[in-house]
C-alpha atoms as a PDB file:
ATOM      1  CA  MET A   1       0.000   0.000   0.000  1.00  0.00           C
ATOM      2  CA  LYS A   2       1.364   3.384  -0.992  1.00  0.00           C
ATOM      3  CA  PRO A   3       1.853   5.896   1.845  1.00  0.00           C
ATOM      4  CA  HIS A   4      -0.674   8.707   1.984  1.00  0.00           C
ATOM      5  CA  MET A   5       0.677  11.738   0.134  1.00  0.00           C
ATOM      6  CA  PRO A   6      -0.318  15.150   1.511  1.00  0.00           C
ATOM      7  CA  THR A   7      -2.289  17.376  -0.839  1.00  0.00           C
ATOM      8  CA  ILE A   8      -1.258  20.885  -1.812  1.00  0.00           C
ATOM      9  CA  ASP A   9      -4.192  22.179   0.243  1.00  0.00           C
ATOM     10  CA  SER A  10      -2.964  20.440   3.394  1.00  0.00           C
ATOM     11  CA  LEU A  11       0.666  21.436   2.814  1.00  0.00           C
ATOM     12  CA  TRP A  12      -0.187  25.076   2.201  1.00  0.00           C
ATOM     13  CA  SER A  13      -2.647  25.340   5.105  1.00  0.00           C
ATOM     14  CA  ALA A  14       0.263  24.625   7.470  1.00  0.00           C
ATOM     15  CA  THR A  15       1.946  27.876   6.329  1.00  0.00           C
ATOM     16  CA  HIS A  16      -0.970  29.981   7.696  1.00  0.00           C
ATOM     17  CA  GLN A  17      -1.075  32.028   4.474  1.00  0.00           C
ATOM     18  CA  PRO A  18      -4.542  31.243   3.039  1.00  0.00           C
ATOM     19  CA  GLY A  19      -4.469  34.170   0.624  1.00  0.00           C
ATOM     20  CA  LEU A  20      -2.129  32.343  -1.773  1.00  0.00           C
ATOM     21  CA  LEU A  21      -3.893  28.970  -1.727  1.00  0.00           C
ATOM     22  CA  THR A  22      -5.602  29.496  -5.098  1.00  0.00           C
ATOM     23  CA  LEU A  23      -2.233  30.187  -6.667  1.00  0.00           C
ATOM     24  CA  ALA A  24      -0.625  27.209  -4.926  1.00  0.00           C
ATOM     25  CA  ARG A  25      -3.300  24.898  -6.352  1.00  0.00           C
ATOM     26  CA  GLN A  26      -1.942  25.606  -9.850  1.00  0.00           C
ATOM     27  CA  GLY A  27       1.508  24.229  -9.045  1.00  0.00           C
ATOM     28  CA  GLN A  28       3.441  21.092  -8.271  1.00  0.00           C
ATOM     29  CA  VAL A  29       5.293  20.169  -5.098  1.00  0.00           C
ATOM     30  CA  ARG A  30       9.084  20.078  -5.447  1.00  0.00           C
ATOM     31  CA  HIS A  31      11.826  19.213  -2.946  1.00  0.00           C
ATOM     32  CA  TYR A  32      15.224  20.927  -3.025  1.00  0.00           C
ATOM     33  CA  ARG A  33      18.392  20.048  -1.173  1.00  0.00           C
ATOM     34  CA  LYS A  34      20.379  22.442   1.010  1.00  0.00           C
ATOM     35  CA  HIS A  35      22.652  24.963  -0.763  1.00  0.00           C
ATOM     36  CA  MET A  36      20.840  24.629  -4.096  1.00  0.00           C
ATOM     37  CA  LEU A  37      20.641  27.721  -6.319  1.00  0.00           C
ATOM     38  CA  LEU A  38      17.012  28.157  -7.332  1.00  0.00           C
ATOM     39  CA  ILE A  39      17.280  31.515  -9.063  1.00  0.00           C
ATOM     40  CA  GLN A  40      20.312  33.007 -10.803  1.00  0.00           C
ATOM     41  CA  GLN A  41      20.683  36.771 -10.936  1.00  0.00           C
ATOM     42  CA  GLY A  42      20.218  37.957 -14.539  1.00  0.00           C
ATOM     43  CA  ASP A  43      18.293  34.906 -15.739  1.00  0.00           C
ATOM     44  CA  VAL A  44      14.758  35.317 -17.090  1.00  0.00           C
ATOM     45  CA  GLY A  45      12.270  33.647 -14.771  1.00  0.00           C
ATOM     46  CA  HIS A  46       9.597  31.228 -15.925  1.00  0.00           C
ATOM     47  CA  GLN A  47       8.170  30.069 -12.591  1.00  0.00           C
ATOM     48  CA  LEU A  48       7.290  31.150  -9.073  1.00  0.00           C
ATOM     49  CA  TYR A  49       8.088  29.333  -5.843  1.00  0.00           C
ATOM     50  CA  LEU A  50       5.626  29.178  -2.959  1.00  0.00           C
ATOM     51  CA  VAL A  51       7.633  28.072   0.063  1.00  0.00           C
ATOM     52  CA  VAL A  52       6.015  25.300   2.101  1.00  0.00           C
ATOM     53  CA  ALA A  53       8.949  24.470   4.385  1.00  0.00           C
ATOM     54  CA  GLY A  54      12.596  25.450   4.839  1.00  0.00           C
ATOM     55  CA  ARG A  55      14.550  28.684   4.503  1.00  0.00           C
ATOM     56  CA  LEU A  56      16.056  30.530   1.547  1.00  0.00           C
ATOM     57  CA  ARG A  57      18.406  33.475   1.102  1.00  0.00           C
ATOM     58  CA  GLU A  58      18.044  36.159  -1.544  1.00  0.00           C
ATOM     59  CA  PHE A  59      21.351  37.833  -2.388  1.00  0.00           C
ATOM     60  CA  SER A  60      23.137  39.961  -4.943  1.00  0.00           C
ATOM     61  CA  MET A  61      26.739  39.596  -6.079  1.00  0.00           C
ATOM     62  CA  SER A  62      29.180  42.155  -7.435  1.00  0.00           C
ATOM     63  CA  HIS A  63      30.925  41.567 -10.752  1.00  0.00           C
ATOM     64  CA  ASP A  64      34.336  43.057  -9.978  1.00  0.00           C
ATOM     65  CA  SER A  65      37.710  41.328  -9.568  1.00  0.00           C
ATOM     66  CA  ARG A  66      36.845  40.428  -5.952  1.00  0.00           C
ATOM     67  CA  PRO A  67      33.209  39.271  -6.046  1.00  0.00           C
ATOM     68  CA  ARG A  68      31.238  40.132  -2.921  1.00  0.00           C
ATOM     69  CA  GLU A  69      27.779  39.127  -1.787  1.00  0.00           C
ATOM     70  CA  ILE A  70      25.137  40.982   0.177  1.00  0.00           C
ATOM     71  CA  THR A  71      22.087  39.296   1.646  1.00  0.00           C
ATOM     72  CA  LEU A  72      18.912  41.119   0.643  1.00  0.00           C
ATOM     73  CA  SER A  73      16.339  39.020   2.490  1.00  0.00           C
ATOM     74  CA  LEU A  74      15.582  35.669   4.067  1.00  0.00           C
ATOM     75  CA  TRP A  75      12.446  33.721   3.181  1.00  0.00           C
ATOM     76  CA  GLY A  76      10.498  31.006   4.973  1.00  0.00           C
ATOM     77  CA  ALA A  77       7.242  29.084   4.847  1.00  0.00           C
ATOM     78  CA  GLY A  78       4.302  30.950   3.342  1.00  0.00           C
ATOM     79  CA  GLN A  79       6.424  33.253   1.196  1.00  0.00           C
ATOM     80  CA  LEU A  80       6.371  33.778  -2.569  1.00  0.00           C
ATOM     81  CA  VAL A  81       9.802  33.747  -4.216  1.00  0.00           C
ATOM     82  CA  GLY A  82      10.602  34.656  -7.805  1.00  0.00           C
ATOM     83  CA  ALA A  83       7.871  37.247  -8.410  1.00  0.00           C
ATOM     84  CA  PRO A  84       9.938  39.097 -11.095  1.00  0.00           C
ATOM     85  CA  ALA A  85       9.100  36.167 -13.383  1.00  0.00           C
ATOM     86  CA  LEU A  86       5.607  37.636 -13.716  1.00  0.00           C
ATOM     87  CA  ASP A  87       6.731  40.435 -16.037  1.00  0.00           C
ATOM     88  CA  GLY A  88       9.034  38.226 -18.088  1.00  0.00           C
ATOM     89  CA  GLY A  89      12.119  40.256 -17.146  1.00  0.00           C
ATOM     90  CA  PRO A  90      15.413  39.092 -15.643  1.00  0.00           C
ATOM     91  CA  HIS A  91      15.820  38.400 -11.947  1.00  0.00           C
ATOM     92  CA  CYS A  92      17.684  41.193 -10.139  1.00  0.00           C
ATOM     93  CA  ALA A  93      18.973  38.832  -7.407  1.00  0.00           C
ATOM     94  CA  SER A  94      19.814  35.190  -6.805  1.00  0.00           C
ATOM     95  CA  VAL A  95      18.069  32.817  -4.380  1.00  0.00           C
ATOM     96  CA  ILE A  96      19.707  29.830  -2.675  1.00  0.00           C
ATOM     97  CA  THR A  97      18.340  27.309  -0.181  1.00  0.00           C
ATOM     98  CA  LEU A  98      19.748  27.495   3.357  1.00  0.00           C
ATOM     99  CA  THR A  99      18.075  24.245   4.411  1.00  0.00           C
ATOM    100  CA  PRO A 100      16.240  21.461   2.609  1.00  0.00           C
ATOM    101  CA  VAL A 101      13.235  23.241   1.094  1.00  0.00           C
ATOM    102  CA  VAL A 102       9.787  22.205  -0.081  1.00  0.00           C
ATOM    103  CA  CYS A 103       8.061  24.495  -2.595  1.00  0.00           C
ATOM    104  CA  VAL A 104       4.978  24.540  -4.732  1.00  0.00           C
ATOM    105  CA  VAL A 105       6.258  25.572  -8.161  1.00  0.00           C
ATOM    106  CA  VAL A 106       3.834  27.502 -10.384  1.00  0.00           C
ATOM    107  CA  SER A 107       4.539  28.380 -14.007  1.00  0.00           C
ATOM    108  CA  ARG A 108       4.423  32.020 -15.092  1.00  0.00           C
ATOM    109  CA  GLU A 109       1.518  31.319 -17.433  1.00  0.00           C
ATOM    110  CA  SER A 110      -0.562  29.625 -14.724  1.00  0.00           C
ATOM    111  CA  ALA A 111       0.162  32.426 -12.257  1.00  0.00           C
ATOM    112  CA  LEU A 112      -0.875  35.131 -14.714  1.00  0.00           C
ATOM    113  CA  ALA A 113      -4.109  33.281 -15.504  1.00  0.00           C
ATOM    114  CA  VAL A 114      -4.982  33.127 -11.790  1.00  0.00           C
ATOM    115  CA  LEU A 115      -4.206  36.809 -11.266  1.00  0.00           C
ATOM    116  CA  GLN A 116      -6.355  37.861 -14.220  1.00  0.00           C
ATOM    117  CA  HIS A 117      -9.361  36.142 -12.697  1.00  0.00           C
ATOM    118  CA  THR A 118      -8.623  36.932  -9.036  1.00  0.00           C
ATOM    119  CA  PRO A 119      -8.281  40.710  -8.523  1.00  0.00           C
ATOM    120  CA  ALA A 120      -8.001  40.320  -4.744  1.00  0.00           C
ATOM    121  CA  MET A 121      -4.924  38.119  -5.119  1.00  0.00           C
ATOM    122  CA  ALA A 122      -3.429  40.528  -7.632  1.00  0.00           C
ATOM    123  CA  MET A 123      -3.820  43.286  -5.029  1.00  0.00           C
ATOM    124  CA  ASP A 124      -2.167  41.102  -2.355  1.00  0.00           C
ATOM    125  CA  LEU A 125       0.811  40.507  -4.641  1.00  0.00           C
ATOM    126  CA  LEU A 126       1.035  44.231  -5.374  1.00  0.00           C
ATOM    127  CA  LYS A 127       1.185  44.944  -1.635  1.00  0.00           C
ATOM    128  CA  MET A 128       3.878  42.291  -1.237  1.00  0.00           C
ATOM    129  CA  ALA A 129       5.879  43.840  -4.081  1.00  0.00           C
ATOM    130  CA  LEU A 130       5.668  47.279  -2.451  1.00  0.00           C
ATOM    131  CA  GLN A 131       6.847  45.837   0.874  1.00  0.00           C
ATOM    132  CA  ARG A 132       9.834  44.334  -0.866  1.00  0.00           C
ATOM    133  CA  VAL A 133      10.650  47.642  -2.552  1.00  0.00           C
ATOM    134  CA  ARG A 134      10.726  49.236   0.899  1.00  0.00           C
ATOM    135  CA  LEU A 135      12.941  46.445   2.196  1.00  0.00           C
ATOM    136  CA  ALA A 136      15.348  46.809  -0.747  1.00  0.00           C
ATOM    137  CA  THR A 137      15.440  50.586  -0.246  1.00  0.00           C
ATOM    138  CA  GLU A 138      16.263  50.181   3.449  1.00  0.00           C
ATOM    139  CA  THR A 139      18.993  47.637   2.660  1.00  0.00           C
ATOM    140  CA  THR A 140      20.510  50.045   0.122  1.00  0.00           C
ATOM    141  CA  ARG A 141      20.263  52.988   2.523  1.00  0.00           C
ATOM    142  CA  ARG A 142      22.102  51.099   5.266  1.00  0.00           C
ATOM    143  CA  ALA A 143      24.785  49.902   2.860  1.00  0.00           C
ATOM    144  CA  LEU A 144      25.450  53.405   1.511  1.00  0.00           C
ATOM    145  CA  PHE A 145      24.979  55.642   4.540  1.00  0.00           C
ATOM    146  CA  SER A 146      26.100  53.656   7.583  1.00  0.00           C
ATOM    147  CA  ASP A 147      29.353  51.973   8.549  1.00  0.00           C
ATOM    148  CA  ALA A 148      29.945  48.272   9.148  1.00  0.00           C
ATOM    149  CA  TYR A 149      29.718  48.606  12.929  1.00  0.00           C
ATOM    150  CA  SER A 150      26.338  50.363  12.783  1.00  0.00           C
ATOM    151  CA  ARG A 151      24.958  47.680  10.449  1.00  0.00           C
ATOM    152  CA  LEU A 152      26.258  44.906  12.704  1.00  0.00           C
ATOM    153  CA  ILE A 153      24.694  46.494  15.776  1.00  0.00           C
ATOM    154  CA  ALA A 154      21.374  46.846  13.958  1.00  0.00           C
ATOM    155  CA  LEU A 155      21.542  43.153  13.101  1.00  0.00           C
ATOM    156  CA  LEU A 156      22.324  42.111  16.686  1.00  0.00           C
ATOM    157  CA  GLN A 157      19.534  44.274  18.069  1.00  0.00           C
ATOM    158  CA  GLY A 158      16.984  42.896  15.632  1.00  0.00           C
ATOM    159  CA  HIS A 159      16.483  46.085  13.615  1.00  0.00           C
ATOM    160  CA  MET A 160      17.288  44.363  10.312  1.00  0.00           C
ATOM    161  CA  ASP A 161      14.659  41.647  10.577  1.00  0.00           C
ATOM    162  CA  ASN A 162      12.672  40.924   7.449  1.00  0.00           C
ATOM    163  CA  PRO A 163       9.289  42.690   7.873  1.00  0.00           C
ATOM    164  CA  ILE A 164       7.728  40.473   5.207  1.00  0.00           C
ATOM    165  CA  ASP A 165       8.459  37.244   7.086  1.00  0.00           C
ATOM    166  CA  PRO A 166       7.268  37.584  10.704  1.00  0.00           C
ATOM    167  CA  HIS A 167       9.069  34.363  11.616  1.00  0.00           C
ATOM    168  CA  THR A 168      12.468  35.852  10.783  1.00  0.00           C
ATOM    169  CA  ASP A 169      14.382  37.237  13.742  1.00  0.00           C
ATOM    170  CA  MET A 170      18.114  37.450  13.101  1.00  0.00           C
ATOM    171  CA  ARG A 171      18.767  37.482  16.838  1.00  0.00           C
ATOM    172  CA  ARG A 172      17.644  33.856  17.008  1.00  0.00           C
ATOM    173  CA  GLN A 173      19.469  32.606  13.912  1.00  0.00           C
ATOM    174  CA  PRO A 174      22.807  30.759  14.184  1.00  0.00           C
ATOM    175  CA  MET A 175      25.202  32.579  11.891  1.00  0.00           C
ATOM    176  CA  THR A 176      28.883  32.349  11.081  1.00  0.00           C
ATOM    177  CA  HIS A 177      31.003  35.474  10.703  1.00  0.00           C
ATOM    178  CA  ALA A 178      30.945  34.934   6.932  1.00  0.00           C
ATOM    179  CA  GLN A 179      27.127  34.837   6.925  1.00  0.00           C
ATOM    180  CA  ILE A 180      26.942  37.984   9.054  1.00  0.00           C
ATOM    181  CA  ALA A 181      29.343  39.703   6.641  1.00  0.00           C
ATOM    182  CA  GLN A 182      27.099  38.761   3.709  1.00  0.00           C
ATOM    183  CA  HIS A 183      24.077  40.083   5.535  1.00  0.00           C
ATOM    184  CA  ILE A 184      25.522  43.510   6.349  1.00  0.00           C
ATOM    185  CA  GLY A 185      27.769  43.906   3.299  1.00  0.00           C
ATOM    186  CA  CYS A 186      31.325  43.949   4.651  1.00  0.00           C
ATOM    187  CA  SER A 187      34.311  41.610   4.978  1.00  0.00           C
ATOM    188  CA  ARG A 188      34.405  38.570   7.261  1.00  0.00           C
ATOM    189  CA  GLU A 189      37.590  39.947   8.812  1.00  0.00           C
ATOM    190  CA  MET A 190      35.771  43.141   9.794  1.00  0.00           C
ATOM    191  CA  VAL A 191      32.979  41.153  11.446  1.00  0.00           C
ATOM    192  CA  SER A 192      35.461  38.949  13.310  1.00  0.00           C
ATOM    193  CA  ARG A 193      37.331  41.958  14.678  1.00  0.00           C
ATOM    194  CA  ILE A 194      34.194  43.740  15.873  1.00  0.00           C
ATOM    195  CA  MET A 195      32.662  40.599  17.391  1.00  0.00           C
ATOM    196  CA  LYS A 196      35.887  39.767  19.227  1.00  0.00           C
ATOM    197  CA  GLU A 197      35.924  43.205  20.840  1.00  0.00           C
ATOM    198  CA  LEU A 198      32.220  43.040  21.748  1.00  0.00           C
ATOM    199  CA  ILE A 199      32.634  39.600  23.332  1.00  0.00           C
ATOM    200  CA  THR A 200      35.782  40.690  25.209  1.00  0.00           C
ATOM    201  CA  GLY A 201      33.901  43.733  26.505  1.00  0.00           C
ATOM    202  CA  GLY A 202      31.055  41.566  27.785  1.00  0.00           C
ATOM    203  CA  TYR A 203      28.492  43.074  25.415  1.00  0.00           C
ATOM    204  CA  VAL A 204      27.791  39.879  23.468  1.00  0.00           C
ATOM    205  CA  VAL A 205      28.035  36.144  24.149  1.00  0.00           C
ATOM    206  CA  ARG A 206      27.906  33.267  21.712  1.00  0.00           C
ATOM    207  CA  GLU A 207      25.564  30.494  22.776  1.00  0.00           C
ATOM    208  CA  PRO A 208      26.358  26.783  22.164  1.00  0.00           C
ATOM    209  CA  ASP A 209      23.933  26.790  19.204  1.00  0.00           C
ATOM    210  CA  ARG A 210      25.996  29.571  17.524  1.00  0.00           C
ATOM    211  CA  VAL A 211      23.406  32.262  18.251  1.00  0.00           C
ATOM    212  CA  TYR A 212      24.846  35.580  19.438  1.00  0.00           C
ATOM    213  CA  ARG A 213      23.055  37.126  22.411  1.00  0.00           C
ATOM    214  CA  VAL A 214      23.357  40.763  23.497  1.00  0.00           C
ATOM    215  CA  CYS A 215      24.067  40.993  27.250  1.00  0.00           C
ATOM    216  CA  LYS A 216      24.037  44.740  27.798  1.00  0.00           C
ATOM    217  CA  ARG A 217      23.514  47.966  25.936  1.00  0.00           C
ATOM    218  CA  LEU A 218      25.784  48.130  22.918  1.00  0.00           C
ATOM    219  CA  PRO A 219      27.956  51.227  22.329  1.00  0.00           C
ATOM    220  CA  GLU A 220      26.537  53.510  19.651  1.00  0.00           C
ATOM    221  CA  ARG A 221      29.995  53.973  18.178  1.00  0.00           C
ATOM    222  CA  TRP A 222      33.131  51.883  18.392  1.00  0.00           C
END
């Protein structure tokens, strides 16, 4: 006897995002391994990903002699990834899985057909797109107008959490110095130096699960 396979309805209901269920019903369930590149910056998208389980990172990479990455956002269950595919243009960022991920994959054509007949969903996606524009603007503002220490402090204090994903709180995420550097847009060496001084000063401790915890008020400047 074959094991009972969960339906898209049951999988999506667990994400607590009922507004996208109609769209999810047009797709197929796919499983992706950890560290798999789902979307390549510059490629033209042909499908959307509705995340059922797992975590993904959206990032952009420079094209100079020393390529650098900056994390733009983190996505989890209930989120829509790959929305730029809707207009047929190239993706402006890449997306990679941080954990094993389960998605409902919907083709561009199927998604457009649903949106044409479901104005309420089209409005929800417009709101989501505007939220992401605000998030991208804030990420750019921090990168251009604040120093590495200020961005690191904002991350430790939870001021750089993703407002689109309420389950994302960077203060509870285990992160290496390299991952922190990608998130705030600086070198790993810079992060290591600042974190060493903060830990020595008793401002921050690193828990056994690799989560950094703030112990007392952090200096505004270093």
